[in-house]
Amino acid sequence: MGWRRGQAYGQDLRDRVLAAEGSIREVARRFAVSDSYVARARSRQQRGQVSAGVQCNHVPPRLQRLEGALTERVAAAPEQTLTQLCQWIEAEHGVRVSLTTMWKTLGRLGLTLKNLWSSPFLQY
């Protein structure tokens, strides 16, 4: 499995890059990484950090401000489908979301829908 955008390089590669002698550009070419990666890894090493930093997304979840209302709605009517919840959010709060966004939000809140699979799941 190769590296994918948005993922940290493996610790073994990081260790080899940090142990390598030479300029930033030479080391980057030798290990097929960017110059900035080598520079940042060396900078972190000087600060005492030899592992990857924590990656985080600073964009809050789309329905974060409506989690309370959504929790109440599901508690009051657990027979609703994802489609119905998406329609309710749009009608009541003016926020249009996909079924996937609703699914992930409910999962993050630990909520389940009893009738989820018994309705037209992919219907918008």
C-alpha atoms as a PDB file:
ATOM      1  CA  MET A   1       0.000   0.000   0.000  1.00  0.00           C
ATOM      2  CA  GLY A   2       1.490   3.301  -1.068  1.00  0.00           C
ATOM      3  CA  TRP A   3       1.234   6.741   0.429  1.00  0.00           C
ATOM      4  CA  ARG A   4      -1.998   8.654  -0.153  1.00  0.00           C
ATOM      5  CA  ARG A   5      -2.539  12.394  -0.012  1.00  0.00           C
ATOM      6  CA  GLY A   6      -3.503  13.528   3.472  1.00  0.00           C
ATOM      7  CA  GLN A   7      -1.740  10.693   5.262  1.00  0.00           C
ATOM      8  CA  ALA A   8       1.521  10.899   7.152  1.00  0.00           C
ATOM      9  CA  TYR A   9       4.557   9.058   5.838  1.00  0.00           C
ATOM     10  CA  GLY A  10       5.538   5.958   7.777  1.00  0.00           C
ATOM     11  CA  GLN A  11       7.848   6.212  10.774  1.00  0.00           C
ATOM     12  CA  ASP A  12      10.466   4.011   9.028  1.00  0.00           C
ATOM     13  CA  LEU A  13      10.793   6.513   6.173  1.00  0.00           C
ATOM     14  CA  ARG A  14      10.902   9.409   8.646  1.00  0.00           C
ATOM     15  CA  ASP A  15      13.727   7.688  10.543  1.00  0.00           C
ATOM     16  CA  ARG A  16      15.703   7.093   7.322  1.00  0.00           C
ATOM     17  CA  VAL A  17      15.224  10.708   6.212  1.00  0.00           C
ATOM     18  CA  LEU A  18      16.385  12.016   9.582  1.00  0.00           C
ATOM     19  CA  ALA A  19      19.417   9.725   9.629  1.00  0.00           C
ATOM     20  CA  ALA A  20      20.512  10.648   6.085  1.00  0.00           C
ATOM     21  CA  GLU A  21      23.484  12.945   5.500  1.00  0.00           C
ATOM     22  CA  GLY A  22      23.351  15.712   2.928  1.00  0.00           C
ATOM     23  CA  SER A  23      21.428  18.789   1.997  1.00  0.00           C
ATOM     24  CA  ILE A  24      17.663  18.986   2.162  1.00  0.00           C
ATOM     25  CA  ARG A  25      17.376  18.714  -1.611  1.00  0.00           C
ATOM     26  CA  GLU A  26      19.704  15.696  -1.824  1.00  0.00           C
ATOM     27  CA  VAL A  27      17.877  13.807   0.898  1.00  0.00           C
ATOM     28  CA  ALA A  28      14.497  14.642  -0.627  1.00  0.00           C
ATOM     29  CA  ARG A  29      15.566  13.273  -4.018  1.00  0.00           C
ATOM     30  CA  ARG A  30      17.099  10.141  -2.484  1.00  0.00           C
ATOM     31  CA  PHE A  31      13.865   9.219  -0.681  1.00  0.00           C
ATOM     32  CA  ALA A  32      11.404  10.652  -3.249  1.00  0.00           C
ATOM     33  CA  VAL A  33       9.808  13.109  -0.829  1.00  0.00           C
ATOM     34  CA  SER A  34       9.414  16.869  -1.013  1.00  0.00           C
ATOM     35  CA  ASP A  35      12.054  19.328   0.121  1.00  0.00           C
ATOM     36  CA  SER A  36       9.589  20.834   2.592  1.00  0.00           C
ATOM     37  CA  TYR A  37       8.984  17.410   4.178  1.00  0.00           C
ATOM     38  CA  VAL A  38      12.697  16.980   4.879  1.00  0.00           C
ATOM     39  CA  ALA A  39      12.985  20.533   6.215  1.00  0.00           C
ATOM     40  CA  ARG A  40       9.962  20.103   8.508  1.00  0.00           C
ATOM     41  CA  ALA A  41      11.137  16.694   9.743  1.00  0.00           C
ATOM     42  CA  ARG A  42      14.571  18.103  10.586  1.00  0.00           C
ATOM     43  CA  SER A  43      12.998  21.109  12.290  1.00  0.00           C
ATOM     44  CA  ARG A  44      10.820  18.840  14.431  1.00  0.00           C
ATOM     45  CA  GLN A  45      13.846  16.709  15.265  1.00  0.00           C
ATOM     46  CA  GLN A  46      15.687  19.772  16.553  1.00  0.00           C
ATOM     47  CA  ARG A  47      12.706  20.470  18.844  1.00  0.00           C
ATOM     48  CA  GLY A  48      12.847  16.875  20.115  1.00  0.00           C
ATOM     49  CA  GLN A  49       9.940  15.479  18.074  1.00  0.00           C
ATOM     50  CA  VAL A  50      10.844  12.472  15.946  1.00  0.00           C
ATOM     51  CA  SER A  51       7.338  11.221  15.134  1.00  0.00           C
ATOM     52  CA  ALA A  52       4.594  12.676  12.996  1.00  0.00           C
ATOM     53  CA  GLY A  53       2.488  15.460  14.426  1.00  0.00           C
ATOM     54  CA  VAL A  54      -1.230  15.080  15.015  1.00  0.00           C
ATOM     55  CA  GLN A  55      -3.286  15.720  11.892  1.00  0.00           C
ATOM     56  CA  CYS A  56      -6.569  17.462  12.475  1.00  0.00           C
ATOM     57  CA  ASN A  57      -9.280  19.022  10.425  1.00  0.00           C
ATOM     58  CA  HIS A  58     -10.220  22.466  11.678  1.00  0.00           C
ATOM     59  CA  VAL A  59     -13.587  22.512   9.916  1.00  0.00           C
ATOM     60  CA  PRO A  60     -16.429  21.873  12.387  1.00  0.00           C
ATOM     61  CA  PRO A  61     -19.040  19.270  11.425  1.00  0.00           C
ATOM     62  CA  ARG A  62     -21.806  20.769   9.322  1.00  0.00           C
ATOM     63  CA  LEU A  63     -24.599  19.853  11.735  1.00  0.00           C
ATOM     64  CA  GLN A  64     -22.680  20.582  14.934  1.00  0.00           C
ATOM     65  CA  ARG A  65     -24.840  23.532  15.961  1.00  0.00           C
ATOM     66  CA  LEU A  66     -28.009  21.470  15.367  1.00  0.00           C
ATOM     67  CA  GLU A  67     -26.979  18.350  17.291  1.00  0.00           C
ATOM     68  CA  GLY A  68     -29.292  19.115  20.206  1.00  0.00           C
ATOM     69  CA  ALA A  69     -32.324  19.608  17.970  1.00  0.00           C
ATOM     70  CA  LEU A  70     -31.442  16.497  15.975  1.00  0.00           C
ATOM     71  CA  THR A  71     -31.101  14.396  19.135  1.00  0.00           C
ATOM     72  CA  GLU A  72     -34.505  15.588  20.349  1.00  0.00           C
ATOM     73  CA  ARG A  73     -36.089  14.885  16.962  1.00  0.00           C
ATOM     74  CA  VAL A  74     -34.764  11.316  16.822  1.00  0.00           C
ATOM     75  CA  ALA A  75     -35.830  10.700  20.452  1.00  0.00           C
ATOM     76  CA  ALA A  76     -39.341  11.989  19.716  1.00  0.00           C
ATOM     77  CA  ALA A  77     -39.769  10.038  16.472  1.00  0.00           C
ATOM     78  CA  PRO A  78     -37.232   7.208  16.112  1.00  0.00           C
ATOM     79  CA  GLU A  79     -39.163   5.708  13.192  1.00  0.00           C
ATOM     80  CA  GLN A  80     -37.941   8.450  10.829  1.00  0.00           C
ATOM     81  CA  THR A  81     -35.641   7.659   7.958  1.00  0.00           C
ATOM     82  CA  LEU A  82     -32.476   9.475   6.975  1.00  0.00           C
ATOM     83  CA  THR A  83     -34.330  11.050   4.081  1.00  0.00           C
ATOM     84  CA  GLN A  84     -37.019  12.392   6.384  1.00  0.00           C
ATOM     85  CA  LEU A  85     -34.433  13.795   8.781  1.00  0.00           C
ATOM     86  CA  CYS A  86     -32.611  15.527   5.924  1.00  0.00           C
ATOM     87  CA  GLN A  87     -35.888  17.049   4.760  1.00  0.00           C
ATOM     88  CA  TRP A  88     -36.732  18.169   8.309  1.00  0.00           C
ATOM     89  CA  ILE A  89     -33.319  19.816   8.785  1.00  0.00           C
ATOM     90  CA  GLU A  90     -33.752  21.695   5.514  1.00  0.00           C
ATOM     91  CA  ALA A  91     -37.333  22.784   6.226  1.00  0.00           C
ATOM     92  CA  GLU A  92     -36.820  23.784   9.868  1.00  0.00           C
ATOM     93  CA  HIS A  93     -33.249  25.059   9.879  1.00  0.00           C
ATOM     94  CA  GLY A  94     -32.490  25.889   6.239  1.00  0.00           C
ATOM     95  CA  VAL A  95     -29.482  23.547   6.069  1.00  0.00           C
ATOM     96  CA  ARG A  96     -29.383  21.103   3.196  1.00  0.00           C
ATOM     97  CA  VAL A  97     -27.327  17.977   3.889  1.00  0.00           C
ATOM     98  CA  SER A  98     -26.778  14.663   2.188  1.00  0.00           C
ATOM     99  CA  LEU A  99     -27.754  11.285   3.553  1.00  0.00           C
ATOM    100  CA  THR A 100     -24.080  10.576   4.226  1.00  0.00           C
ATOM    101  CA  THR A 101     -23.715  13.709   6.349  1.00  0.00           C
ATOM    102  CA  MET A 102     -26.826  12.786   8.323  1.00  0.00           C
ATOM    103  CA  TRP A 103     -25.615   9.192   8.739  1.00  0.00           C
ATOM    104  CA  LYS A 104     -22.206  10.311  10.039  1.00  0.00           C
ATOM    105  CA  THR A 105     -23.750  12.882  12.370  1.00  0.00           C
ATOM    106  CA  LEU A 106     -26.103  10.310  13.886  1.00  0.00           C
ATOM    107  CA  GLY A 107     -23.202   7.885  14.254  1.00  0.00           C
ATOM    108  CA  ARG A 108     -21.059  10.517  15.989  1.00  0.00           C
ATOM    109  CA  LEU A 109     -23.963  11.185  18.386  1.00  0.00           C
ATOM    110  CA  GLY A 110     -24.439   7.462  19.014  1.00  0.00           C
ATOM    111  CA  LEU A 111     -27.992   7.526  17.623  1.00  0.00           C
ATOM    112  CA  THR A 112     -29.564   4.793  15.523  1.00  0.00           C
ATOM    113  CA  LEU A 113     -32.740   4.685  13.496  1.00  0.00           C
ATOM    114  CA  LYS A 114     -34.910   1.600  13.816  1.00  0.00           C
ATOM    115  CA  ASN A 115     -36.530   1.908  10.384  1.00  0.00           C
ATOM    116  CA  LEU A 116     -33.395   2.994   8.571  1.00  0.00           C
ATOM    117  CA  TRP A 117     -33.220   0.105   6.108  1.00  0.00           C
ATOM    118  CA  SER A 118     -36.945  -0.405   5.638  1.00  0.00           C
ATOM    119  CA  SER A 119     -37.384   2.797   3.649  1.00  0.00           C
ATOM    120  CA  PRO A 120     -36.029   3.988   0.295  1.00  0.00           C
ATOM    121  CA  PHE A 121     -32.517   4.658   1.612  1.00  0.00           C
ATOM    122  CA  LEU A 122     -31.098   6.393  -1.411  1.00  0.00           C
ATOM    123  CA  GLN A 123     -34.158   8.507  -2.165  1.00  0.00           C
ATOM    124  CA  TYR A 124     -33.659  12.280  -2.016  1.00  0.00           C
END
